[in-house]
């Protein structure tokens, strides 16, 4: 096992939905800024692209990078060591400017620019935290019943029929989270993305 520093922003930052899942045993080192661009996904969470001129705020953690943790982070980010150029995210070393006018080279997962969804919106200022407060994610707009139904659909196999009430059906269809496949309902692409960000 080796201790590595990693730069994160968005859902992996402190207080965000995925931080404790991966960095529960990590040591927070400092806040920092990485050169690039940040976009808001349709689900409402930001993603960092390692291309651009903005200085994107984030955090540096130091953690024991076991093979299991690396595999989990790679899977979460859709990163393939065999085909990195085709991966959803690219794992690389980047320079991060730290608060004391210094800089560090640390590991980072940045969205592959070729995989940027058409529905993603550029956050012009680069300040994803401010944007997140003004534009809460879709997951925060869902009721408990809606979240539970999205979870149930996400856990069901293709043959399972998950019953639904009419009011839930209308609301989730209006939000574009489910698709009607005739005899059964399934999560849409957006619905699957929402499922990734449910606590």
C-alpha atoms as a PDB file:
ATOM      1  CA  UNK A   1       0.000   0.000   0.000  1.00  0.00           C
ATOM      2  CA  UNK A   2       1.165   3.504  -0.778  1.00  0.00           C
ATOM      3  CA  UNK A   3       0.007   6.853   0.576  1.00  0.00           C
ATOM      4  CA  UNK A   4      -1.127   9.138  -2.233  1.00  0.00           C
ATOM      5  CA  UNK A   5      -2.544  12.629  -2.475  1.00  0.00           C
ATOM      6  CA  UNK A   6      -5.653  13.129  -4.562  1.00  0.00           C
ATOM      7  CA  UNK A   7      -7.497  16.278  -5.695  1.00  0.00           C
ATOM      8  CA  UNK A   8     -11.298  16.120  -5.606  1.00  0.00           C
ATOM      9  CA  UNK A   9     -14.247  18.413  -6.180  1.00  0.00           C
ATOM     10  CA  UNK A  10     -17.989  17.955  -6.531  1.00  0.00           C
ATOM     11  CA  UNK A  11     -19.580  14.868  -4.969  1.00  0.00           C
ATOM     12  CA  UNK A  12     -16.263  13.652  -3.472  1.00  0.00           C
ATOM     13  CA  UNK A  13     -15.559  16.869  -1.531  1.00  0.00           C
ATOM     14  CA  UNK A  14     -16.158  17.197   2.226  1.00  0.00           C
ATOM     15  CA  UNK A  15     -19.831  17.208   3.170  1.00  0.00           C
ATOM     16  CA  UNK A  16     -20.879  15.873  -0.243  1.00  0.00           C
ATOM     17  CA  UNK A  17     -22.656  12.621  -1.051  1.00  0.00           C
ATOM     18  CA  UNK A  18     -19.669  10.409  -1.997  1.00  0.00           C
ATOM     19  CA  UNK A  19     -16.977  11.764   0.327  1.00  0.00           C
ATOM     20  CA  UNK A  20     -17.463   9.279   3.176  1.00  0.00           C
ATOM     21  CA  UNK A  21     -17.837   6.358   0.786  1.00  0.00           C
ATOM     22  CA  UNK A  22     -14.260   6.729  -0.456  1.00  0.00           C
ATOM     23  CA  UNK A  23     -12.420   9.080   1.909  1.00  0.00           C
ATOM     24  CA  UNK A  24     -13.679   8.078   5.347  1.00  0.00           C
ATOM     25  CA  UNK A  25     -10.128   7.173   6.409  1.00  0.00           C
ATOM     26  CA  UNK A  26      -8.384   9.873   4.399  1.00  0.00           C
ATOM     27  CA  UNK A  27      -6.552  12.850   5.841  1.00  0.00           C
ATOM     28  CA  UNK A  28      -7.633  16.264   4.589  1.00  0.00           C
ATOM     29  CA  UNK A  29      -4.501  18.160   3.515  1.00  0.00           C
ATOM     30  CA  UNK A  30      -5.663  21.496   2.098  1.00  0.00           C
ATOM     31  CA  UNK A  31      -7.941  23.395  -0.209  1.00  0.00           C
ATOM     32  CA  UNK A  32      -6.536  24.050  -3.655  1.00  0.00           C
ATOM     33  CA  UNK A  33      -7.197  25.158  -7.220  1.00  0.00           C
ATOM     34  CA  UNK A  34      -6.690  23.147 -10.396  1.00  0.00           C
ATOM     35  CA  UNK A  35      -6.636  24.692 -13.852  1.00  0.00           C
ATOM     36  CA  UNK A  36      -9.508  23.474 -16.017  1.00  0.00           C
ATOM     37  CA  UNK A  37     -13.242  23.785 -16.510  1.00  0.00           C
ATOM     38  CA  UNK A  38     -16.195  22.644 -14.442  1.00  0.00           C
ATOM     39  CA  UNK A  39     -19.616  21.648 -15.762  1.00  0.00           C
ATOM     40  CA  UNK A  40     -22.952  20.987 -14.057  1.00  0.00           C
ATOM     41  CA  UNK A  41     -24.412  17.652 -15.085  1.00  0.00           C
ATOM     42  CA  UNK A  42     -28.149  17.334 -15.699  1.00  0.00           C
ATOM     43  CA  UNK A  43     -28.454  15.587 -12.322  1.00  0.00           C
ATOM     44  CA  UNK A  44     -27.093  18.805 -10.757  1.00  0.00           C
ATOM     45  CA  UNK A  45     -23.627  17.721  -9.633  1.00  0.00           C
ATOM     46  CA  UNK A  46     -20.419  19.288 -10.977  1.00  0.00           C
ATOM     47  CA  UNK A  47     -17.678  17.519 -12.932  1.00  0.00           C
ATOM     48  CA  UNK A  48     -14.108  18.676 -13.463  1.00  0.00           C
ATOM     49  CA  UNK A  49     -12.477  18.639 -16.901  1.00  0.00           C
ATOM     50  CA  UNK A  50      -8.703  19.033 -16.969  1.00  0.00           C
ATOM     51  CA  UNK A  51      -8.866  21.449 -19.926  1.00  0.00           C
ATOM     52  CA  UNK A  52      -9.488  25.196 -19.727  1.00  0.00           C
ATOM     53  CA  UNK A  53      -8.287  28.387 -18.099  1.00  0.00           C
ATOM     54  CA  UNK A  54     -10.397  28.657 -14.929  1.00  0.00           C
ATOM     55  CA  UNK A  55      -8.980  27.821 -11.520  1.00  0.00           C
ATOM     56  CA  UNK A  56     -11.385  25.259 -10.085  1.00  0.00           C
ATOM     57  CA  UNK A  57     -11.663  24.987  -6.285  1.00  0.00           C
ATOM     58  CA  UNK A  58     -11.278  21.585  -4.695  1.00  0.00           C
ATOM     59  CA  UNK A  59      -9.652  19.682  -1.874  1.00  0.00           C
ATOM     60  CA  UNK A  60      -6.538  17.571  -1.470  1.00  0.00           C
ATOM     61  CA  UNK A  61      -6.713  14.374   0.583  1.00  0.00           C
ATOM     62  CA  UNK A  62      -3.982  11.928   1.476  1.00  0.00           C
ATOM     63  CA  UNK A  63      -5.005   8.290   1.708  1.00  0.00           C
ATOM     64  CA  UNK A  64      -3.630   4.762   1.787  1.00  0.00           C
ATOM     65  CA  UNK A  65      -4.307   3.681  -1.788  1.00  0.00           C
ATOM     66  CA  UNK A  66      -4.845  -0.060  -1.542  1.00  0.00           C
ATOM     67  CA  UNK A  67      -5.507  -2.100  -4.678  1.00  0.00           C
ATOM     68  CA  UNK A  68      -9.128  -2.448  -3.543  1.00  0.00           C
ATOM     69  CA  UNK A  69      -9.627   1.306  -3.116  1.00  0.00           C
ATOM     70  CA  UNK A  70      -8.005   2.057  -6.474  1.00  0.00           C
ATOM     71  CA  UNK A  71     -10.268  -0.538  -8.117  1.00  0.00           C
ATOM     72  CA  UNK A  72     -13.348   0.997  -6.441  1.00  0.00           C
ATOM     73  CA  UNK A  73     -12.400   4.537  -7.487  1.00  0.00           C
ATOM     74  CA  UNK A  74     -11.649   3.361 -11.040  1.00  0.00           C
ATOM     75  CA  UNK A  75     -15.007   1.576 -11.253  1.00  0.00           C
ATOM     76  CA  UNK A  76     -16.891   4.568  -9.811  1.00  0.00           C
ATOM     77  CA  UNK A  77     -15.294   6.856 -12.404  1.00  0.00           C
ATOM     78  CA  UNK A  78     -15.631   4.439 -15.310  1.00  0.00           C
ATOM     79  CA  UNK A  79     -11.858   4.358 -15.736  1.00  0.00           C
ATOM     80  CA  UNK A  80     -10.152   1.481 -17.552  1.00  0.00           C
ATOM     81  CA  UNK A  81      -6.416   0.915 -17.257  1.00  0.00           C
ATOM     82  CA  UNK A  82      -6.589  -1.078 -20.521  1.00  0.00           C
ATOM     83  CA  UNK A  83      -8.306   1.680 -22.505  1.00  0.00           C
ATOM     84  CA  UNK A  84      -7.799   4.998 -20.644  1.00  0.00           C
ATOM     85  CA  UNK A  85      -8.601   7.081 -23.740  1.00  0.00           C
ATOM     86  CA  UNK A  86     -12.074   5.454 -23.946  1.00  0.00           C
ATOM     87  CA  UNK A  87     -12.786   5.826 -20.217  1.00  0.00           C
ATOM     88  CA  UNK A  88     -15.472   8.100 -18.794  1.00  0.00           C
ATOM     89  CA  UNK A  89     -12.885   9.718 -16.516  1.00  0.00           C
ATOM     90  CA  UNK A  90      -9.135   9.932 -16.951  1.00  0.00           C
ATOM     91  CA  UNK A  91      -6.834   9.303 -13.993  1.00  0.00           C
ATOM     92  CA  UNK A  92      -3.717  11.439 -14.103  1.00  0.00           C
ATOM     93  CA  UNK A  93      -1.319  13.633 -12.122  1.00  0.00           C
ATOM     94  CA  UNK A  94      -2.157  17.345 -12.145  1.00  0.00           C
ATOM     95  CA  UNK A  95      -0.729  20.491 -10.592  1.00  0.00           C
ATOM     96  CA  UNK A  96      -2.843  22.002  -7.809  1.00  0.00           C
ATOM     97  CA  UNK A  97      -2.220  25.508  -6.464  1.00  0.00           C
ATOM     98  CA  UNK A  98      -2.421  25.531  -2.665  1.00  0.00           C
ATOM     99  CA  UNK A  99      -3.280  28.368  -0.292  1.00  0.00           C
ATOM    100  CA  UNK A 100       0.304  29.252   0.641  1.00  0.00           C
ATOM    101  CA  UNK A 101       1.198  30.192  -2.969  1.00  0.00           C
ATOM    102  CA  UNK A 102       2.787  26.789  -3.433  1.00  0.00           C
ATOM    103  CA  UNK A 103       1.704  23.940  -5.646  1.00  0.00           C
ATOM    104  CA  UNK A 104       1.598  20.150  -5.530  1.00  0.00           C
ATOM    105  CA  UNK A 105       1.397  17.427  -8.146  1.00  0.00           C
ATOM    106  CA  UNK A 106      -1.383  15.071  -7.073  1.00  0.00           C
ATOM    107  CA  UNK A 107      -3.602  12.378  -8.533  1.00  0.00           C
ATOM    108  CA  UNK A 108      -6.990  13.339  -9.965  1.00  0.00           C
ATOM    109  CA  UNK A 109      -9.938  11.876 -11.878  1.00  0.00           C
ATOM    110  CA  UNK A 110     -11.050  14.345 -14.563  1.00  0.00           C
ATOM    111  CA  UNK A 111     -13.941  13.757 -16.938  1.00  0.00           C
ATOM    112  CA  UNK A 112     -12.799  12.725 -20.403  1.00  0.00           C
ATOM    113  CA  UNK A 113     -13.725  15.746 -22.611  1.00  0.00           C
ATOM    114  CA  UNK A 114     -14.863  13.325 -25.340  1.00  0.00           C
ATOM    115  CA  UNK A 115     -17.466  11.931 -22.907  1.00  0.00           C
ATOM    116  CA  UNK A 116     -18.926  15.281 -21.798  1.00  0.00           C
ATOM    117  CA  UNK A 117     -22.744  14.964 -22.051  1.00  0.00           C
ATOM    118  CA  UNK A 118     -24.536  17.420 -24.348  1.00  0.00           C
ATOM    119  CA  UNK A 119     -26.826  18.330 -21.445  1.00  0.00           C
ATOM    120  CA  UNK A 120     -23.894  19.461 -19.234  1.00  0.00           C
ATOM    121  CA  UNK A 121     -23.715  23.214 -18.638  1.00  0.00           C
ATOM    122  CA  UNK A 122     -20.455  25.059 -18.210  1.00  0.00           C
ATOM    123  CA  UNK A 123     -20.126  26.913 -14.906  1.00  0.00           C
ATOM    124  CA  UNK A 124     -18.571  30.088 -16.291  1.00  0.00           C
ATOM    125  CA  UNK A 125     -17.066  31.286 -13.009  1.00  0.00           C
ATOM    126  CA  UNK A 126     -15.555  27.894 -12.231  1.00  0.00           C
ATOM    127  CA  UNK A 127     -16.998  28.186  -8.710  1.00  0.00           C
ATOM    128  CA  UNK A 128     -18.998  24.961  -8.518  1.00  0.00           C
ATOM    129  CA  UNK A 129     -19.699  25.398  -4.776  1.00  0.00           C
ATOM    130  CA  UNK A 130     -21.524  28.685  -5.342  1.00  0.00           C
ATOM    131  CA  UNK A 131     -23.395  27.224  -8.312  1.00  0.00           C
ATOM    132  CA  UNK A 132     -24.362  24.172  -6.238  1.00  0.00           C
ATOM    133  CA  UNK A 133     -25.987  26.394  -3.601  1.00  0.00           C
ATOM    134  CA  UNK A 134     -27.923  28.418  -6.198  1.00  0.00           C
ATOM    135  CA  UNK A 135     -28.894  25.359  -8.283  1.00  0.00           C
ATOM    136  CA  UNK A 136     -29.477  22.389  -5.924  1.00  0.00           C
ATOM    137  CA  UNK A 137     -29.149  18.936  -7.477  1.00  0.00           C
ATOM    138  CA  UNK A 138     -32.165  17.008  -8.697  1.00  0.00           C
ATOM    139  CA  UNK A 139     -31.765  14.528  -5.835  1.00  0.00           C
ATOM    140  CA  UNK A 140     -32.639  17.273  -3.318  1.00  0.00           C
ATOM    141  CA  UNK A 141     -35.891  17.995  -5.147  1.00  0.00           C
ATOM    142  CA  UNK A 142     -37.178  14.424  -4.877  1.00  0.00           C
ATOM    143  CA  UNK A 143     -39.524  13.308  -2.115  1.00  0.00           C
ATOM    144  CA  UNK A 144     -38.708  10.293   0.045  1.00  0.00           C
ATOM    145  CA  UNK A 145     -41.221   8.187  -1.902  1.00  0.00           C
ATOM    146  CA  UNK A 146     -39.675   9.200  -5.222  1.00  0.00           C
ATOM    147  CA  UNK A 147     -36.160   8.359  -4.033  1.00  0.00           C
ATOM    148  CA  UNK A 148     -37.333   4.993  -2.724  1.00  0.00           C
ATOM    149  CA  UNK A 149     -38.985   4.147  -6.040  1.00  0.00           C
ATOM    150  CA  UNK A 150     -35.872   5.084  -8.006  1.00  0.00           C
ATOM    151  CA  UNK A 151     -33.871   2.783  -5.692  1.00  0.00           C
ATOM    152  CA  UNK A 152     -36.356  -0.081  -6.173  1.00  0.00           C
ATOM    153  CA  UNK A 153     -36.234   0.244  -9.950  1.00  0.00           C
ATOM    154  CA  UNK A 154     -32.441   0.404  -9.847  1.00  0.00           C
ATOM    155  CA  UNK A 155     -32.275  -2.839  -7.831  1.00  0.00           C
ATOM    156  CA  UNK A 156     -34.796  -4.761  -9.920  1.00  0.00           C
ATOM    157  CA  UNK A 157     -33.793  -7.137 -12.681  1.00  0.00           C
ATOM    158  CA  UNK A 158     -35.098  -6.619 -16.216  1.00  0.00           C
ATOM    159  CA  UNK A 159     -37.953  -9.060 -15.619  1.00  0.00           C
ATOM    160  CA  UNK A 160     -39.168  -7.660 -12.297  1.00  0.00           C
ATOM    161  CA  UNK A 161     -42.351  -5.622 -12.290  1.00  0.00           C
ATOM    162  CA  UNK A 162     -42.221  -2.910  -9.635  1.00  0.00           C
ATOM    163  CA  UNK A 163     -45.727  -1.571  -8.935  1.00  0.00           C
ATOM    164  CA  UNK A 164     -46.214   2.201  -8.913  1.00  0.00           C
ATOM    165  CA  UNK A 165     -48.911   4.662  -7.944  1.00  0.00           C
ATOM    166  CA  UNK A 166     -50.247   7.096 -10.532  1.00  0.00           C
ATOM    167  CA  UNK A 167     -48.988  10.272  -8.808  1.00  0.00           C
ATOM    168  CA  UNK A 168     -45.444   8.835  -8.578  1.00  0.00           C
ATOM    169  CA  UNK A 169     -45.629   7.708 -12.200  1.00  0.00           C
ATOM    170  CA  UNK A 170     -46.594  11.185 -13.433  1.00  0.00           C
ATOM    171  CA  UNK A 171     -43.980  12.994 -11.373  1.00  0.00           C
ATOM    172  CA  UNK A 172     -41.088  10.684 -12.287  1.00  0.00           C
ATOM    173  CA  UNK A 173     -42.084  10.696 -15.972  1.00  0.00           C
ATOM    174  CA  UNK A 174     -42.242  14.521 -15.932  1.00  0.00           C
ATOM    175  CA  UNK A 175     -38.740  14.621 -14.436  1.00  0.00           C
ATOM    176  CA  UNK A 176     -37.510  12.206 -17.094  1.00  0.00           C
ATOM    177  CA  UNK A 177     -36.324   9.645 -14.529  1.00  0.00           C
ATOM    178  CA  UNK A 178     -38.299   6.652 -15.780  1.00  0.00           C
ATOM    179  CA  UNK A 179     -39.285   5.191 -19.127  1.00  0.00           C
ATOM    180  CA  UNK A 180     -42.352   3.098 -19.832  1.00  0.00           C
ATOM    181  CA  UNK A 181     -41.370  -0.102 -21.614  1.00  0.00           C
ATOM    182  CA  UNK A 182     -44.941  -1.283 -22.109  1.00  0.00           C
ATOM    183  CA  UNK A 183     -45.363  -3.966 -19.467  1.00  0.00           C
ATOM    184  CA  UNK A 184     -42.820  -2.531 -17.048  1.00  0.00           C
ATOM    185  CA  UNK A 185     -41.060   0.667 -16.035  1.00  0.00           C
ATOM    186  CA  UNK A 186     -37.312   1.210 -16.039  1.00  0.00           C
ATOM    187  CA  UNK A 187     -34.906   3.990 -15.096  1.00  0.00           C
ATOM    188  CA  UNK A 188     -33.973   6.368 -17.896  1.00  0.00           C
ATOM    189  CA  UNK A 189     -30.337   7.374 -18.381  1.00  0.00           C
ATOM    190  CA  UNK A 190     -30.984  10.389 -16.141  1.00  0.00           C
ATOM    191  CA  UNK A 191     -32.721   8.107 -13.618  1.00  0.00           C
ATOM    192  CA  UNK A 192     -29.636   5.881 -13.496  1.00  0.00           C
ATOM    193  CA  UNK A 193     -27.466   8.951 -12.916  1.00  0.00           C
ATOM    194  CA  UNK A 194     -29.788  10.112 -10.102  1.00  0.00           C
ATOM    195  CA  UNK A 195     -29.469   6.655  -8.509  1.00  0.00           C
ATOM    196  CA  UNK A 196     -25.669   7.134  -8.309  1.00  0.00           C
ATOM    197  CA  UNK A 197     -26.205  10.271  -6.229  1.00  0.00           C
ATOM    198  CA  UNK A 198     -28.809   9.010  -3.766  1.00  0.00           C
ATOM    199  CA  UNK A 199     -27.656   8.614  -0.150  1.00  0.00           C
END
